[in-house]
């Protein structure tokens, strides 16, 4: 039974999402698009400007420096969330 192109696209995106991991050089907006649930993690760390212009042009590492946040720890937390959400 053929399920249709829409089904194939959903499966493709789910597999792609599971393979994606956050890195310090990623833009904040790209991380949010990867998994919108990451917004809560950013907010918990005091990064409340998710919708500002810098979110679309600033790397995670730059944002962490501006907010005095350990970038490596935040990357680990974001990746743990994405892994758990993909399971």
N, C-alpha and C. Protein backbone atom coordinates (compact mmCIF):
# COMPACT_ATOMS: atom_id res chain seq x y z
N UNK A 1 0.84 -1.18 0.00
CA UNK A 1 0.00 0.00 0.00
C UNK A 1 0.88 1.25 0.00
N UNK A 2 0.68 2.09 -0.96
CA UNK A 2 1.43 3.35 -1.08
C UNK A 2 0.82 4.39 -0.17
N UNK A 3 1.64 5.05 0.63
CA UNK A 3 1.14 6.02 1.60
C UNK A 3 1.15 7.44 1.08
N UNK A 4 1.87 7.73 0.05
CA UNK A 4 1.88 9.07 -0.52
C UNK A 4 3.17 9.82 -0.21
N UNK A 5 3.36 10.90 -0.98
CA UNK A 5 4.59 11.69 -0.86
C UNK A 5 4.68 12.39 0.49
N UNK A 6 3.55 12.81 1.03
CA UNK A 6 3.56 13.49 2.32
C UNK A 6 4.15 12.62 3.41
N UNK A 7 3.78 11.37 3.41
CA UNK A 7 4.29 10.41 4.39
C UNK A 7 5.81 10.26 4.23
N UNK A 8 6.26 10.15 2.98
CA UNK A 8 7.69 10.01 2.72
C UNK A 8 8.48 11.22 3.22
N UNK A 9 7.93 12.40 3.06
CA UNK A 9 8.60 13.62 3.51
C UNK A 9 8.69 13.63 5.03
N UNK A 10 7.64 13.25 5.71
CA UNK A 10 7.66 13.22 7.17
C UNK A 10 8.72 12.25 7.68
N UNK A 11 8.80 11.08 7.09
CA UNK A 11 9.81 10.09 7.49
C UNK A 11 11.21 10.64 7.23
N UNK A 12 11.42 11.28 6.08
CA UNK A 12 12.72 11.86 5.74
C UNK A 12 13.12 12.92 6.77
N UNK A 13 12.19 13.81 7.13
CA UNK A 13 12.49 14.87 8.09
C UNK A 13 12.77 14.32 9.48
N UNK A 14 12.05 13.29 9.88
CA UNK A 14 12.31 12.68 11.19
C UNK A 14 13.70 12.07 11.24
N UNK A 15 14.10 11.38 10.19
CA UNK A 15 15.43 10.78 10.16
C UNK A 15 16.50 11.85 10.15
N UNK A 16 16.27 12.93 9.39
CA UNK A 16 17.23 14.03 9.32
C UNK A 16 17.36 14.70 10.68
N UNK A 17 16.24 14.90 11.35
CA UNK A 17 16.25 15.55 12.65
C UNK A 17 17.05 14.74 13.66
N UNK A 18 16.90 13.43 13.64
CA UNK A 18 17.62 12.58 14.59
C UNK A 18 19.12 12.67 14.38
N UNK A 19 19.55 12.93 13.14
CA UNK A 19 20.97 12.99 12.84
C UNK A 19 21.57 14.35 13.18
N UNK A 20 20.74 15.37 13.32
CA UNK A 20 21.23 16.72 13.58
C UNK A 20 21.67 16.86 15.03
N UNK A 21 22.78 17.51 15.21
CA UNK A 21 23.23 17.85 16.55
C UNK A 21 23.58 19.33 16.56
N UNK A 22 23.47 19.91 17.73
CA UNK A 22 23.77 21.33 17.90
C UNK A 22 25.27 21.49 18.08
N UNK A 23 25.81 22.54 17.49
CA UNK A 23 27.21 22.90 17.68
C UNK A 23 27.29 24.39 17.99
N UNK A 24 28.41 24.80 18.53
CA UNK A 24 28.56 26.19 18.96
C UNK A 24 28.52 27.18 17.80
N UNK A 25 28.84 26.73 16.60
CA UNK A 25 28.85 27.66 15.46
C UNK A 25 27.49 27.82 14.79
N UNK A 26 26.49 27.08 15.25
CA UNK A 26 25.15 27.20 14.67
C UNK A 26 24.49 28.51 15.09
N UNK A 27 23.65 29.03 14.23
CA UNK A 27 22.85 30.21 14.54
C UNK A 27 21.72 29.79 15.47
N UNK A 28 21.34 30.66 16.38
CA UNK A 28 20.28 30.35 17.32
C UNK A 28 18.99 30.02 16.59
N UNK A 29 18.68 30.76 15.54
CA UNK A 29 17.44 30.53 14.79
C UNK A 29 17.44 29.13 14.18
N UNK A 30 18.60 28.64 13.76
CA UNK A 30 18.68 27.29 13.18
C UNK A 30 18.42 26.22 14.24
N UNK A 31 18.87 26.48 15.45
CA UNK A 31 18.63 25.54 16.55
C UNK A 31 17.14 25.51 16.87
N UNK A 32 16.51 26.69 16.90
CA UNK A 32 15.08 26.77 17.18
C UNK A 32 14.26 26.09 16.09
N UNK A 33 14.70 26.21 14.84
CA UNK A 33 13.99 25.55 13.74
C UNK A 33 14.18 24.05 13.79
N UNK A 34 15.32 23.61 14.28
CA UNK A 34 15.59 22.17 14.42
C UNK A 34 14.62 21.56 15.42
N UNK A 35 14.41 22.26 16.54
CA UNK A 35 13.49 21.78 17.57
C UNK A 35 13.00 22.98 18.37
N UNK A 36 11.75 23.31 18.21
CA UNK A 36 11.21 24.49 18.89
C UNK A 36 11.21 24.34 20.41
N UNK A 37 11.28 23.12 20.90
CA UNK A 37 11.35 22.88 22.33
C UNK A 37 12.63 23.40 22.96
N UNK A 38 13.63 23.70 22.13
CA UNK A 38 14.87 24.25 22.67
C UNK A 38 14.68 25.67 23.20
N UNK A 39 13.61 26.32 22.80
CA UNK A 39 13.34 27.69 23.28
C UNK A 39 13.28 27.72 24.80
N UNK A 40 12.67 26.72 25.41
CA UNK A 40 12.58 26.67 26.87
C UNK A 40 13.96 26.59 27.52
N UNK A 41 14.87 25.88 26.88
CA UNK A 41 16.23 25.77 27.42
C UNK A 41 16.93 27.12 27.35
N UNK A 42 16.79 27.80 26.22
CA UNK A 42 17.38 29.13 26.10
C UNK A 42 16.81 30.07 27.17
N UNK A 43 15.51 30.03 27.36
CA UNK A 43 14.86 30.90 28.34
C UNK A 43 15.33 30.59 29.76
N UNK A 44 15.50 29.32 30.07
CA UNK A 44 15.98 28.92 31.40
C UNK A 44 17.38 29.47 31.69
N UNK A 45 18.14 29.71 30.64
CA UNK A 45 19.50 30.23 30.79
C UNK A 45 19.55 31.75 30.69
N UNK A 46 18.39 32.39 30.67
CA UNK A 46 18.34 33.84 30.63
C UNK A 46 18.49 34.44 29.25
N UNK A 47 18.39 33.62 28.22
CA UNK A 47 18.49 34.12 26.85
C UNK A 47 17.07 34.39 26.34
N UNK A 48 16.57 35.57 26.68
CA UNK A 48 15.18 35.92 26.41
C UNK A 48 14.98 36.62 25.07
N UNK A 49 16.01 36.83 24.32
CA UNK A 49 15.89 37.59 23.07
C UNK A 49 15.87 36.67 21.85
N UNK A 50 15.11 35.60 21.92
CA UNK A 50 15.09 34.60 20.85
C UNK A 50 14.52 35.14 19.55
N UNK A 51 13.67 36.13 19.62
CA UNK A 51 13.07 36.69 18.41
C UNK A 51 13.78 37.92 17.88
N UNK A 52 14.86 38.33 18.52
CA UNK A 52 15.55 39.54 18.07
C UNK A 52 16.39 39.26 16.83
N UNK A 53 16.88 40.31 16.21
CA UNK A 53 17.67 40.18 14.99
C UNK A 53 18.94 39.37 15.20
N UNK A 54 19.51 39.48 16.39
CA UNK A 54 20.75 38.74 16.65
C UNK A 54 20.54 37.23 16.62
N UNK A 55 19.35 36.78 16.98
CA UNK A 55 19.08 35.35 16.99
C UNK A 55 19.23 34.74 15.60
N UNK A 56 19.00 35.53 14.57
CA UNK A 56 19.11 34.99 13.21
C UNK A 56 20.51 35.15 12.64
N UNK A 57 21.37 35.92 13.30
CA UNK A 57 22.70 36.12 12.76
C UNK A 57 23.83 35.78 13.71
N UNK A 58 23.50 35.57 14.96
CA UNK A 58 24.52 35.34 15.98
C UNK A 58 24.69 33.84 16.22
N UNK A 59 25.93 33.43 16.37
CA UNK A 59 26.18 32.01 16.67
C UNK A 59 25.85 31.74 18.13
N UNK A 60 25.64 30.48 18.44
CA UNK A 60 25.37 30.09 19.82
C UNK A 60 26.55 30.48 20.71
N UNK A 61 27.75 30.29 20.22
CA UNK A 61 28.93 30.64 21.01
C UNK A 61 28.98 32.13 21.32
N UNK A 62 28.68 32.97 20.33
CA UNK A 62 28.67 34.42 20.55
C UNK A 62 27.60 34.82 21.57
N UNK A 63 26.42 34.22 21.45
CA UNK A 63 25.34 34.52 22.39
C UNK A 63 25.72 34.09 23.80
N UNK A 64 26.37 32.95 23.92
CA UNK A 64 26.80 32.47 25.24
C UNK A 64 27.83 33.42 25.85
N UNK A 65 28.74 33.92 25.04
CA UNK A 65 29.72 34.87 25.56
C UNK A 65 29.03 36.15 26.05
N UNK A 66 28.04 36.62 25.29
CA UNK A 66 27.33 37.84 25.66
C UNK A 66 26.53 37.67 26.95
N UNK A 67 26.09 36.44 27.22
CA UNK A 67 25.25 36.17 28.40
C UNK A 67 26.02 35.46 29.52
N UNK A 68 27.35 35.33 29.36
CA UNK A 68 28.20 34.67 30.35
C UNK A 68 27.71 33.26 30.68
N UNK A 69 27.46 32.49 29.62
CA UNK A 69 26.98 31.11 29.75
C UNK A 69 28.05 30.18 29.17
N UNK A 70 28.24 29.04 29.80
CA UNK A 70 29.18 28.03 29.31
C UNK A 70 28.60 27.40 28.04
N UNK A 71 29.20 27.71 26.91
CA UNK A 71 28.69 27.25 25.62
C UNK A 71 28.70 25.73 25.51
N UNK A 72 29.75 25.09 26.00
CA UNK A 72 29.83 23.63 25.90
C UNK A 72 28.72 22.96 26.71
N UNK A 73 28.45 23.50 27.89
CA UNK A 73 27.38 22.93 28.72
C UNK A 73 26.02 23.12 28.06
N UNK A 74 25.80 24.28 27.46
CA UNK A 74 24.53 24.54 26.79
C UNK A 74 24.36 23.63 25.57
N UNK A 75 25.42 23.45 24.81
CA UNK A 75 25.38 22.53 23.65
C UNK A 75 25.00 21.13 24.12
N UNK A 76 25.58 20.68 25.21
CA UNK A 76 25.26 19.36 25.74
C UNK A 76 23.80 19.25 26.14
N UNK A 77 23.30 20.29 26.79
CA UNK A 77 21.90 20.28 27.21
C UNK A 77 20.95 20.30 26.02
N UNK A 78 21.27 21.10 25.01
CA UNK A 78 20.42 21.17 23.81
C UNK A 78 20.42 19.83 23.07
N UNK A 79 21.60 19.22 22.93
CA UNK A 79 21.68 17.93 22.24
C UNK A 79 20.96 16.83 23.02
N UNK A 80 21.04 16.88 24.34
CA UNK A 80 20.33 15.89 25.14
C UNK A 80 18.82 16.03 24.95
N UNK A 81 18.36 17.27 24.88
CA UNK A 81 16.92 17.51 24.64
C UNK A 81 16.50 16.98 23.27
N UNK A 82 17.29 17.29 22.25
CA UNK A 82 16.94 16.87 20.89
C UNK A 82 16.96 15.36 20.77
N UNK A 83 17.92 14.71 21.40
CA UNK A 83 18.00 13.25 21.38
C UNK A 83 16.76 12.65 22.07
N UNK A 84 16.41 13.19 23.22
CA UNK A 84 15.24 12.68 23.95
C UNK A 84 13.95 12.93 23.19
N UNK A 85 13.85 14.07 22.54
CA UNK A 85 12.64 14.41 21.79
C UNK A 85 12.49 13.53 20.55
N UNK A 86 13.63 13.08 19.98
CA UNK A 86 13.58 12.26 18.79
C UNK A 86 13.30 10.80 19.05
N UNK A 87 13.38 10.40 20.32
CA UNK A 87 13.19 8.98 20.66
C UNK A 87 11.75 8.56 20.62
